[in-house]
Amino acid sequence: MVRTRHIYTTDVTKIIKLKPINKHYSFVTLGVNILSMSKRIMNEVMCTAEDIGIDIMYQDTDSMHLYKDDLEPLREEFRNRYNRELIGSSMGQFHSDFALVGGCPPVAMKSIFVMKKGYIDKLVSDRQSRDSSASLTDGGVAINIQYGSYRYLCVLQ
């Protein structure tokens, strides 16, 4: 679709090519649908946790912090309600963002929530390790800091 506009007091005509919304280079409705599904998945988990009395300390578009001891009851209740597995590597499932330490997933012994999408976790595992390999969480900048037998993961997004 082309529209023309004569610029007053000149001999110039401006030609404007209009592109219909369904011909744009970005498919906005796809992004909307993906975000909507992400919110649905997160709300299923958050509402299930709230209903059975589990506290979630931090939640973002695709991640959350909760107590390790609450993970199994949440997993079981989620399976009972939705007939799906909560934890795994498939789409719609959750997994730890922390890199393995000595073959074991570390847990955060202490978390400091600095700001939206910014937090610091004190990581430990059953097998303490001085390995400080980089981890990325939610596409942000993650910095591993080794101090004694502890690793700290600082995430800024």
Protein backbone atom coordinates (compact mmCIF):
# COMPACT_ATOMS: atom_id res chain seq x y z
CA MET A 1 0.00 0.00 0.00
CA VAL A 2 1.43 3.36 -1.03
CA ARG A 3 0.34 6.76 0.13
CA THR A 4 1.51 10.07 -1.29
CA ARG A 5 1.61 13.44 0.38
CA HIS A 6 2.40 16.73 -1.31
CA ILE A 7 4.63 18.92 0.83
CA TYR A 8 3.10 22.38 0.81
CA THR A 9 4.96 25.37 -0.66
CA THR A 10 7.34 23.04 -2.52
CA ASP A 11 7.35 20.92 -5.65
CA VAL A 12 8.18 17.83 -3.57
CA THR A 13 5.89 14.86 -3.11
CA LYS A 14 6.52 12.45 -0.27
CA ILE A 15 5.81 8.79 -1.06
CA ILE A 16 5.15 6.56 1.94
CA LYS A 17 5.08 2.79 1.62
CA LEU A 18 2.88 1.28 4.30
CA LYS A 19 3.48 -2.27 5.35
CA PRO A 20 0.48 -4.19 6.68
CA ILE A 21 0.90 -5.55 10.21
CA ASN A 22 0.86 -9.17 9.01
CA LYS A 23 3.82 -8.47 6.69
CA HIS A 24 6.22 -7.05 9.32
CA TYR A 25 9.60 -8.65 9.82
CA SER A 26 8.79 -9.49 13.44
CA PHE A 27 5.94 -11.74 14.42
CA VAL A 28 4.66 -9.93 17.50
CA THR A 29 1.80 -12.31 18.17
CA LEU A 30 4.25 -15.21 18.46
CA GLY A 31 6.14 -13.36 21.20
CA VAL A 32 2.87 -12.59 22.98
CA ASN A 33 1.87 -16.26 22.88
CA ILE A 34 5.26 -17.41 24.20
CA LEU A 35 5.14 -14.92 27.09
CA SER A 36 1.55 -15.92 27.84
CA MET A 37 2.49 -19.61 28.04
CA SER A 38 5.48 -18.77 30.25
CA LYS A 39 3.19 -16.90 32.66
CA ARG A 40 0.75 -19.80 32.66
CA ILE A 41 3.49 -22.31 33.55
CA MET A 42 4.88 -20.05 36.29
CA ASN A 43 1.42 -19.43 37.72
CA GLU A 44 0.68 -23.16 37.84
CA VAL A 45 3.80 -23.69 39.94
CA MET A 46 3.32 -20.59 42.10
CA CYS A 47 -0.35 -21.31 42.84
CA THR A 48 0.42 -24.95 43.62
CA ALA A 49 3.18 -23.87 46.01
CA GLU A 50 0.92 -21.30 47.68
CA ASP A 51 -1.92 -23.81 48.10
CA ILE A 52 0.30 -26.29 49.96
CA GLY A 53 2.07 -23.64 52.04
CA ILE A 54 5.43 -23.47 50.25
CA ASP A 55 7.23 -20.11 50.22
CA ILE A 56 8.87 -18.91 47.02
CA MET A 57 11.43 -16.21 47.84
CA TYR A 58 12.10 -14.99 44.30
CA GLN A 59 10.30 -15.51 41.01
CA ASP A 60 11.02 -14.24 37.52
CA THR A 61 9.72 -15.03 34.05
CA ASP A 62 11.35 -18.46 34.01
CA SER A 63 12.96 -19.06 37.41
CA MET A 64 12.32 -19.13 41.13
CA HIS A 65 14.07 -19.61 44.46
CA LEU A 66 12.54 -21.94 47.03
CA TYR A 67 13.76 -24.14 49.89
CA LYS A 68 15.35 -27.43 48.84
CA ASP A 69 13.16 -29.40 51.30
CA ASP A 70 10.03 -27.98 49.63
CA LEU A 71 11.01 -29.18 46.17
CA GLU A 72 9.80 -32.80 46.48
CA PRO A 73 6.34 -31.96 47.96
CA LEU A 74 5.89 -29.33 45.23
CA ARG A 75 6.96 -31.81 42.57
CA GLU A 76 4.48 -34.44 43.79
CA GLU A 77 1.55 -32.01 44.10
CA PHE A 78 2.28 -30.59 40.64
CA ARG A 79 2.29 -34.11 39.15
CA ASN A 80 -1.04 -34.89 40.87
CA ARG A 81 -2.70 -31.67 39.69
CA TYR A 82 -1.44 -31.37 36.12
CA ASN A 83 -0.35 -34.92 35.25
CA ARG A 84 3.03 -33.54 34.12
CA GLU A 85 6.55 -33.64 35.50
CA LEU A 86 7.74 -30.39 37.04
CA ILE A 87 11.47 -31.11 36.86
CA GLY A 88 13.30 -32.15 33.69
CA SER A 89 14.99 -30.83 30.59
CA SER A 90 11.96 -30.63 28.27
CA MET A 91 9.97 -27.54 27.35
CA GLY A 92 7.77 -26.41 30.23
CA GLN A 93 9.92 -28.15 32.84
CA PHE A 94 12.28 -26.69 35.42
CA HIS A 95 15.91 -27.48 36.17
CA SER A 96 18.70 -25.93 38.23
CA ASP A 97 20.55 -23.06 36.59
CA PHE A 98 23.62 -23.76 38.72
CA ALA A 99 26.49 -25.69 37.16
CA LEU A 100 27.33 -29.06 38.73
CA VAL A 101 30.03 -29.06 41.41
CA GLY A 102 31.85 -32.40 41.60
CA GLY A 103 28.95 -34.03 39.75
CA CYS A 104 26.36 -32.74 42.24
CA PRO A 105 23.98 -29.80 41.82
CA PRO A 106 24.83 -27.06 44.32
CA VAL A 107 22.25 -25.31 46.46
CA ALA A 108 22.14 -21.72 47.61
CA MET A 109 22.87 -21.59 51.35
CA LYS A 110 22.26 -17.85 51.37
CA SER A 111 20.64 -15.55 48.84
CA ILE A 112 20.68 -11.79 48.68
CA PHE A 113 18.09 -10.30 46.35
CA VAL A 114 19.63 -7.03 45.20
CA MET A 115 17.08 -5.84 42.66
CA LYS A 116 14.83 -7.12 39.92
CA LYS A 117 16.82 -9.75 38.01
CA GLY A 118 19.79 -9.21 40.31
CA TYR A 119 20.69 -11.54 43.17
CA ILE A 120 23.67 -13.18 44.85
CA ASP A 121 23.61 -16.85 45.90
CA LYS A 122 26.11 -18.53 48.24
CA LEU A 123 26.48 -21.95 46.59
CA VAL A 124 27.51 -25.17 48.34
CA SER A 125 27.21 -28.84 47.47
CA ASP A 126 27.70 -32.20 49.17
CA ARG A 127 31.15 -32.28 47.59
CA GLN A 128 32.76 -28.90 48.17
CA SER A 129 34.72 -27.78 45.13
CA ARG A 130 36.93 -24.88 44.23
CA ASP A 131 35.75 -25.08 40.64
CA SER A 132 34.51 -21.65 39.60
CA SER A 133 33.22 -22.28 36.09
CA ALA A 134 30.98 -19.54 34.74
CA SER A 135 27.22 -19.97 34.81
CA LEU A 136 24.65 -17.91 32.96
CA THR A 137 21.18 -17.51 34.41
CA ASP A 138 18.25 -16.08 32.42
CA GLY A 139 20.59 -14.63 29.81
CA GLY A 140 22.17 -12.27 32.35
CA VAL A 141 25.71 -11.75 33.46
CA ALA A 142 26.74 -14.29 36.08
CA ILE A 143 29.96 -13.96 38.02
CA ASN A 144 31.26 -16.87 40.10
CA ILE A 145 33.33 -15.82 43.09
CA GLN A 146 35.41 -18.39 45.00
CA TYR A 147 36.03 -17.62 48.67
CA GLY A 148 37.43 -20.41 50.81
CA SER A 149 35.28 -23.50 50.34
CA TYR A 150 32.26 -21.49 49.16
CA ARG A 151 31.26 -20.22 45.76
CA TYR A 152 29.09 -17.16 45.33
CA LEU A 153 27.04 -16.65 42.18
CA CYS A 154 26.24 -13.03 41.44
CA VAL A 155 23.61 -12.57 38.74
CA LEU A 156 22.94 -9.20 37.13
CA GLN A 157 20.53 -8.95 34.25
